[in-house]
Amino acid sequence: MFQKVLATFGAGGARIDARLLDATAAPGRPLHGEIVLLGGEVDQEIKGLSVTLLARVQVPGEDKTEDLPFGTQQLAGRETIRAGGQVRVPFEVPLPWETPVTSVYAKPLAGMAVGVRAELDLAAAVSDPFDADAVAIEPLPAQKRVLDALSRTGFTFREAILEQGRIDGAQQQLPFFQEIRFAPSPRFASIFSQVAVTFLTSAERTDVVLEVTKRVRVSKTGGFGGRGQDFLGKFTMKPDVNWEKQLEDWFDQVARPRGIFD
């Protein structure tokens, strides 16, 4: 009886180990893995077993982050895990098309925290065991084409963030969006302070949202202040487009003076 009491507090109770079978994944594709259930010192009733996709996002206007779920799959209902037993439960979780990119050419993007959390719901337990693993998500070919074009035109990766909220006027599925931020190329370094790209992808299309932060001239001598003015551009990916030229043409347009302080 004492062992059963301890198991409700986690001591000597069932454990889980989540393992990803895919080295890398991609938006819109299934993620494969398995969960190993390890029985404890007593038989325990399972109320449920699930896997959840989680993303660490920045809360707008606040200096804090939250782990937001963006997909959950139930793998098992009421069952019993026997003492000392071991059960393997495979899973296949579809990744939404807007799943954030976490690595490019196997190089992790600084600032990204996206993963899978497996949780075992035990009857009469004070705390439920769980296990979490980070997921390496590579860009789709269309997304990689744009990132390559930015790199070829002299823009250098700075950081990536996930921000809770929605982009005005855009078709968006998830309650957050990713910004992959770049330092401007030498050609635009005196005019832009930052360029950010967001991919809004579906099964039918990929939209590219560009946000440029343009330096604002505030002094009579022509110096630039710390303020910035943001410009948004949205493009739909099409085959056989010269993205280096398309990007540079749009940057040229944004760089043109628009007023006495610009």
Protein backbone atom coordinates (compact mmCIF):
# COMPACT_ATOMS: atom_id res chain seq x y z
CA MET A 1 0.00 0.00 0.00
CA PHE A 2 2.84 2.39 0.87
CA GLN A 3 4.33 1.90 -2.63
CA LYS A 4 0.99 2.90 -4.19
CA VAL A 5 0.92 6.08 -2.12
CA LEU A 6 4.47 6.96 -3.18
CA ALA A 7 3.58 6.33 -6.82
CA THR A 8 0.87 9.00 -6.68
CA PHE A 9 3.63 11.50 -5.85
CA GLY A 10 5.90 10.25 -8.61
CA ALA A 11 8.24 8.17 -6.46
CA GLY A 12 8.48 4.71 -7.99
CA GLY A 13 5.70 5.56 -10.47
CA ALA A 14 5.51 5.12 -14.23
CA ARG A 15 7.84 7.16 -16.45
CA ILE A 16 7.91 8.10 -20.13
CA ASP A 17 10.67 8.71 -22.64
CA ALA A 18 9.80 10.55 -25.88
CA ARG A 19 12.06 9.88 -28.85
CA LEU A 20 11.99 11.58 -32.24
CA LEU A 21 12.67 9.26 -35.16
CA ASP A 22 13.18 12.07 -37.70
CA ALA A 23 16.50 13.94 -37.54
CA THR A 24 14.82 16.91 -39.21
CA ALA A 25 11.27 17.88 -40.09
CA ALA A 26 9.59 20.44 -42.35
CA PRO A 27 6.40 22.52 -42.20
CA GLY A 28 3.37 20.70 -43.56
CA ARG A 29 5.04 17.30 -43.17
CA PRO A 30 4.45 14.61 -40.50
CA LEU A 31 6.81 14.28 -37.54
CA HIS A 32 7.51 10.70 -36.47
CA GLY A 33 8.52 9.44 -33.06
CA GLU A 34 7.72 7.02 -30.29
CA ILE A 35 7.02 7.12 -26.59
CA VAL A 36 8.40 4.46 -24.30
CA LEU A 37 6.23 3.84 -21.22
CA LEU A 38 8.18 2.42 -18.31
CA GLY A 39 6.13 0.85 -15.55
CA GLY A 40 6.99 1.72 -11.96
CA GLU A 41 6.92 -0.37 -8.80
CA VAL A 42 3.14 -0.84 -8.87
CA ASP A 43 0.43 -1.21 -11.50
CA GLN A 44 -1.03 2.18 -12.44
CA GLU A 45 -4.10 3.22 -14.39
CA ILE A 46 -3.50 5.50 -17.37
CA LYS A 47 -6.19 8.08 -18.16
CA GLY A 48 -4.50 9.28 -21.33
CA LEU A 49 -1.28 9.73 -23.29
CA SER A 50 -0.72 12.71 -25.59
CA VAL A 51 1.89 14.62 -27.56
CA THR A 52 1.72 18.41 -27.96
CA LEU A 53 3.63 20.78 -30.22
CA LEU A 54 4.94 23.76 -28.24
CA ALA A 55 6.55 27.04 -29.26
CA ARG A 56 8.14 29.64 -27.00
CA VAL A 57 6.74 33.01 -28.08
CA GLN A 58 7.32 36.62 -27.13
CA VAL A 59 4.31 38.35 -25.55
CA PRO A 60 3.78 41.76 -27.25
CA GLY A 61 4.40 44.74 -25.00
CA GLU A 62 5.81 42.58 -22.19
CA ASP A 63 9.31 41.41 -21.37
CA LYS A 64 8.33 37.75 -21.08
CA THR A 65 7.76 34.61 -23.11
CA GLU A 66 5.13 31.87 -23.00
CA ASP A 67 5.07 28.28 -24.24
CA LEU A 68 2.05 28.09 -26.55
CA PRO A 69 0.62 24.78 -27.81
CA PHE A 70 -0.17 24.66 -31.53
CA GLY A 71 -1.24 21.07 -32.00
CA THR A 72 -2.13 18.11 -29.75
CA GLN A 73 -2.67 14.45 -30.54
CA GLN A 74 -4.14 11.88 -28.15
CA LEU A 75 -2.38 8.51 -28.39
CA ALA A 76 -4.08 6.35 -25.78
CA GLY A 77 -7.11 6.23 -23.50
CA ARG A 78 -7.74 4.32 -20.29
CA GLU A 79 -5.29 1.46 -19.90
CA THR A 80 -3.07 -0.05 -17.24
CA ILE A 81 0.72 0.06 -17.20
CA ARG A 82 1.97 -2.95 -15.29
CA ALA A 83 4.73 -2.75 -12.70
CA GLY A 84 8.09 -3.15 -14.41
CA GLY A 85 6.45 -3.26 -17.84
CA GLN A 86 7.59 -1.46 -20.99
CA VAL A 87 5.33 -0.34 -23.83
CA ARG A 88 6.30 1.46 -27.04
CA VAL A 89 3.74 3.80 -28.58
CA PRO A 90 4.60 5.19 -32.04
CA PHE A 91 3.23 8.56 -33.09
CA GLU A 92 2.92 10.66 -36.22
CA VAL A 93 2.11 14.33 -35.68
CA PRO A 94 1.27 16.55 -38.67
CA LEU A 95 3.18 19.82 -38.51
CA PRO A 96 1.11 22.87 -39.50
CA TRP A 97 2.27 24.66 -42.65
CA GLU A 98 3.13 27.72 -40.52
CA THR A 99 5.36 25.73 -38.16
CA PRO A 100 8.40 27.94 -37.43
CA VAL A 101 11.76 27.16 -38.98
CA THR A 102 14.35 26.30 -36.32
CA SER A 103 17.41 25.47 -38.45
CA VAL A 104 18.76 26.19 -41.93
CA TYR A 105 21.21 23.79 -43.57
CA ALA A 106 21.40 22.00 -40.19
CA LYS A 107 22.51 25.19 -38.42
CA PRO A 108 20.17 26.15 -35.52
CA LEU A 109 18.54 29.58 -35.66
CA ALA A 110 19.34 31.56 -32.53
CA GLY A 111 16.24 32.39 -30.51
CA MET A 112 14.07 29.45 -31.58
CA ALA A 113 12.51 27.03 -29.08
CA VAL A 114 10.03 24.63 -30.69
CA GLY A 115 9.48 21.09 -29.51
CA VAL A 116 7.23 18.15 -28.71
CA ARG A 117 6.00 17.46 -25.20
CA ALA A 118 4.74 13.98 -24.35
CA GLU A 119 2.57 13.71 -21.25
CA LEU A 120 1.19 10.72 -19.40
CA ASP A 121 -2.08 11.33 -17.54
CA LEU A 122 -2.15 8.98 -14.55
CA ALA A 123 -5.23 8.36 -12.41
CA ALA A 124 -4.92 9.56 -8.80
CA ALA A 125 -1.47 11.05 -9.43
CA VAL A 126 -0.46 14.36 -7.86
CA SER A 127 1.87 15.10 -10.79
CA ASP A 128 1.94 13.56 -14.25
CA PRO A 129 5.22 12.50 -15.89
CA PHE A 130 6.22 14.23 -19.10
CA ASP A 131 9.17 14.44 -21.49
CA ALA A 132 10.03 17.15 -24.04
CA ASP A 133 12.31 17.20 -27.07
CA ALA A 134 13.37 20.05 -29.35
CA VAL A 135 12.51 19.64 -33.03
CA ALA A 136 14.86 20.62 -35.89
CA ILE A 137 12.58 22.12 -38.55
CA GLU A 138 14.19 22.96 -41.89
CA PRO A 139 12.61 25.44 -44.35
CA LEU A 140 10.64 24.27 -47.35
CA PRO A 141 12.32 24.75 -50.77
CA ALA A 142 10.34 27.94 -51.45
CA GLN A 143 11.30 29.38 -48.06
CA LYS A 144 14.92 28.39 -48.51
CA ARG A 145 14.95 30.15 -51.89
CA VAL A 146 14.08 33.49 -50.27
CA LEU A 147 16.55 33.04 -47.41
CA ASP A 148 19.28 32.21 -49.92
CA ALA A 149 18.40 35.31 -51.96
CA LEU A 150 18.76 37.55 -48.91
CA SER A 151 22.12 35.99 -48.12
CA ARG A 152 23.36 36.37 -51.70
CA THR A 153 22.44 40.06 -51.75
CA GLY A 154 24.54 40.73 -48.66
CA PHE A 155 22.05 40.48 -45.77
CA THR A 156 23.32 38.57 -42.73
CA PHE A 157 21.24 36.59 -40.25
CA ARG A 158 20.86 38.28 -36.86
CA GLU A 159 18.20 36.37 -34.88
CA ALA A 160 14.78 34.77 -35.07
CA ILE A 161 11.80 35.38 -32.79
CA LEU A 162 8.26 34.14 -32.41
CA GLU A 163 5.71 36.82 -31.56
CA GLN A 164 2.22 36.23 -30.27
CA GLY A 165 -0.40 37.96 -32.41
CA ARG A 166 -1.44 38.37 -36.02
CA ILE A 167 -0.15 40.29 -39.05
CA ASP A 168 -2.69 42.81 -40.35
CA GLY A 169 -4.21 41.88 -43.68
CA ALA A 170 -2.53 38.47 -43.87
CA GLN A 171 -4.03 34.99 -44.00
CA GLN A 172 -2.63 33.41 -40.86
CA GLN A 173 -3.42 30.06 -39.22
CA LEU A 174 -1.44 30.07 -35.96
CA PRO A 175 -1.80 32.54 -33.03
CA PHE A 176 1.83 33.60 -33.48
CA PHE A 177 4.24 34.33 -36.31
CA GLN A 178 7.97 33.99 -36.89
CA GLU A 179 10.31 36.80 -37.82
CA ILE A 180 13.72 35.85 -39.21
CA ARG A 181 15.76 39.02 -38.80
CA PHE A 182 18.72 40.17 -40.87
CA ALA A 183 21.27 42.95 -40.64
CA PRO A 184 21.16 45.03 -43.85
CA SER A 185 23.63 44.59 -46.66
CA PRO A 186 26.44 47.17 -46.96
CA ARG A 187 24.46 48.85 -49.75
CA PHE A 188 21.54 49.64 -47.40
CA ALA A 189 23.37 49.79 -44.05
CA SER A 190 23.09 53.59 -43.80
CA ILE A 191 19.35 53.52 -44.56
CA PHE A 192 17.96 50.35 -42.95
CA SER A 193 18.56 49.16 -39.40
CA GLN A 194 16.90 45.76 -39.84
CA VAL A 195 15.04 43.53 -42.29
CA ALA A 196 12.70 40.76 -41.11
CA VAL A 197 11.06 38.03 -43.18
CA THR A 198 7.93 36.06 -42.21
CA PHE A 199 6.60 33.06 -44.11
CA LEU A 200 2.84 32.43 -44.18
CA THR A 201 2.53 29.07 -45.87
CA SER A 202 -0.43 26.88 -46.71
CA ALA A 203 -0.88 23.77 -48.85
CA GLU A 204 -1.68 26.02 -51.83
CA ARG A 205 0.79 28.91 -51.55
CA THR A 206 3.62 30.60 -49.70
CA ASP A 207 3.37 34.30 -48.88
CA VAL A 208 6.51 36.23 -47.96
CA VAL A 209 6.08 39.21 -45.64
CA LEU A 210 9.04 41.60 -45.46
CA GLU A 211 9.37 44.23 -42.77
CA VAL A 212 12.07 46.87 -43.18
CA THR A 213 12.97 49.22 -40.34
CA LYS A 214 14.19 52.41 -41.99
CA ARG A 215 16.30 54.90 -40.14
CA VAL A 216 14.65 58.30 -39.68
CA ARG A 217 16.63 61.51 -40.14
CA VAL A 218 15.88 63.82 -37.21
CA SER A 219 18.60 66.49 -37.20
CA LYS A 220 19.17 69.50 -39.47
CA THR A 221 22.70 68.29 -40.15
CA GLY A 222 21.36 65.09 -41.68
CA GLY A 223 22.14 62.70 -38.83
CA PHE A 224 19.96 59.72 -38.01
CA GLY A 225 18.27 59.22 -34.68
CA GLY A 226 17.40 56.08 -32.78
CA ARG A 227 13.86 55.98 -34.11
CA GLY A 228 12.81 53.86 -37.04
CA GLN A 229 9.95 53.67 -39.51
CA ASP A 230 8.63 50.26 -40.54
CA PHE A 231 7.61 49.31 -44.07
CA LEU A 232 5.78 46.11 -44.96
CA GLY A 233 5.81 44.27 -48.27
CA LYS A 234 3.99 41.05 -49.15
CA PHE A 235 4.80 38.76 -52.07
CA THR A 236 3.38 35.42 -53.15
CA MET A 237 5.94 32.85 -54.21
CA LYS A 238 5.83 32.01 -57.91
CA PRO A 239 8.08 29.71 -59.96
CA ASP A 240 10.88 31.13 -62.08
CA VAL A 241 11.09 34.42 -60.17
CA ASN A 242 14.49 36.06 -59.77
CA TRP A 243 14.23 36.68 -56.05
CA GLU A 244 17.55 38.51 -55.82
CA LYS A 245 16.24 41.10 -58.29
CA GLN A 246 12.74 41.22 -56.77
CA LEU A 247 14.11 41.87 -53.30
CA GLU A 248 16.63 44.48 -54.39
CA ASP A 249 13.99 46.32 -56.47
CA TRP A 250 11.67 46.50 -53.46
CA PHE A 251 14.48 47.58 -51.12
CA ASP A 252 15.42 50.31 -53.61
CA GLN A 253 11.84 51.53 -53.58
CA VAL A 254 11.67 51.60 -49.78
CA ALA A 255 15.05 53.35 -49.57
CA ARG A 256 13.89 56.36 -51.62
CA PRO A 257 13.30 59.56 -49.59
CA ARG A 258 9.62 60.23 -48.84
CA GLY A 259 9.76 63.46 -46.83
CA ILE A 260 11.94 66.07 -45.17
CA PHE A 261 12.99 63.68 -42.39
CA ASP A 262 13.60 60.75 -44.73
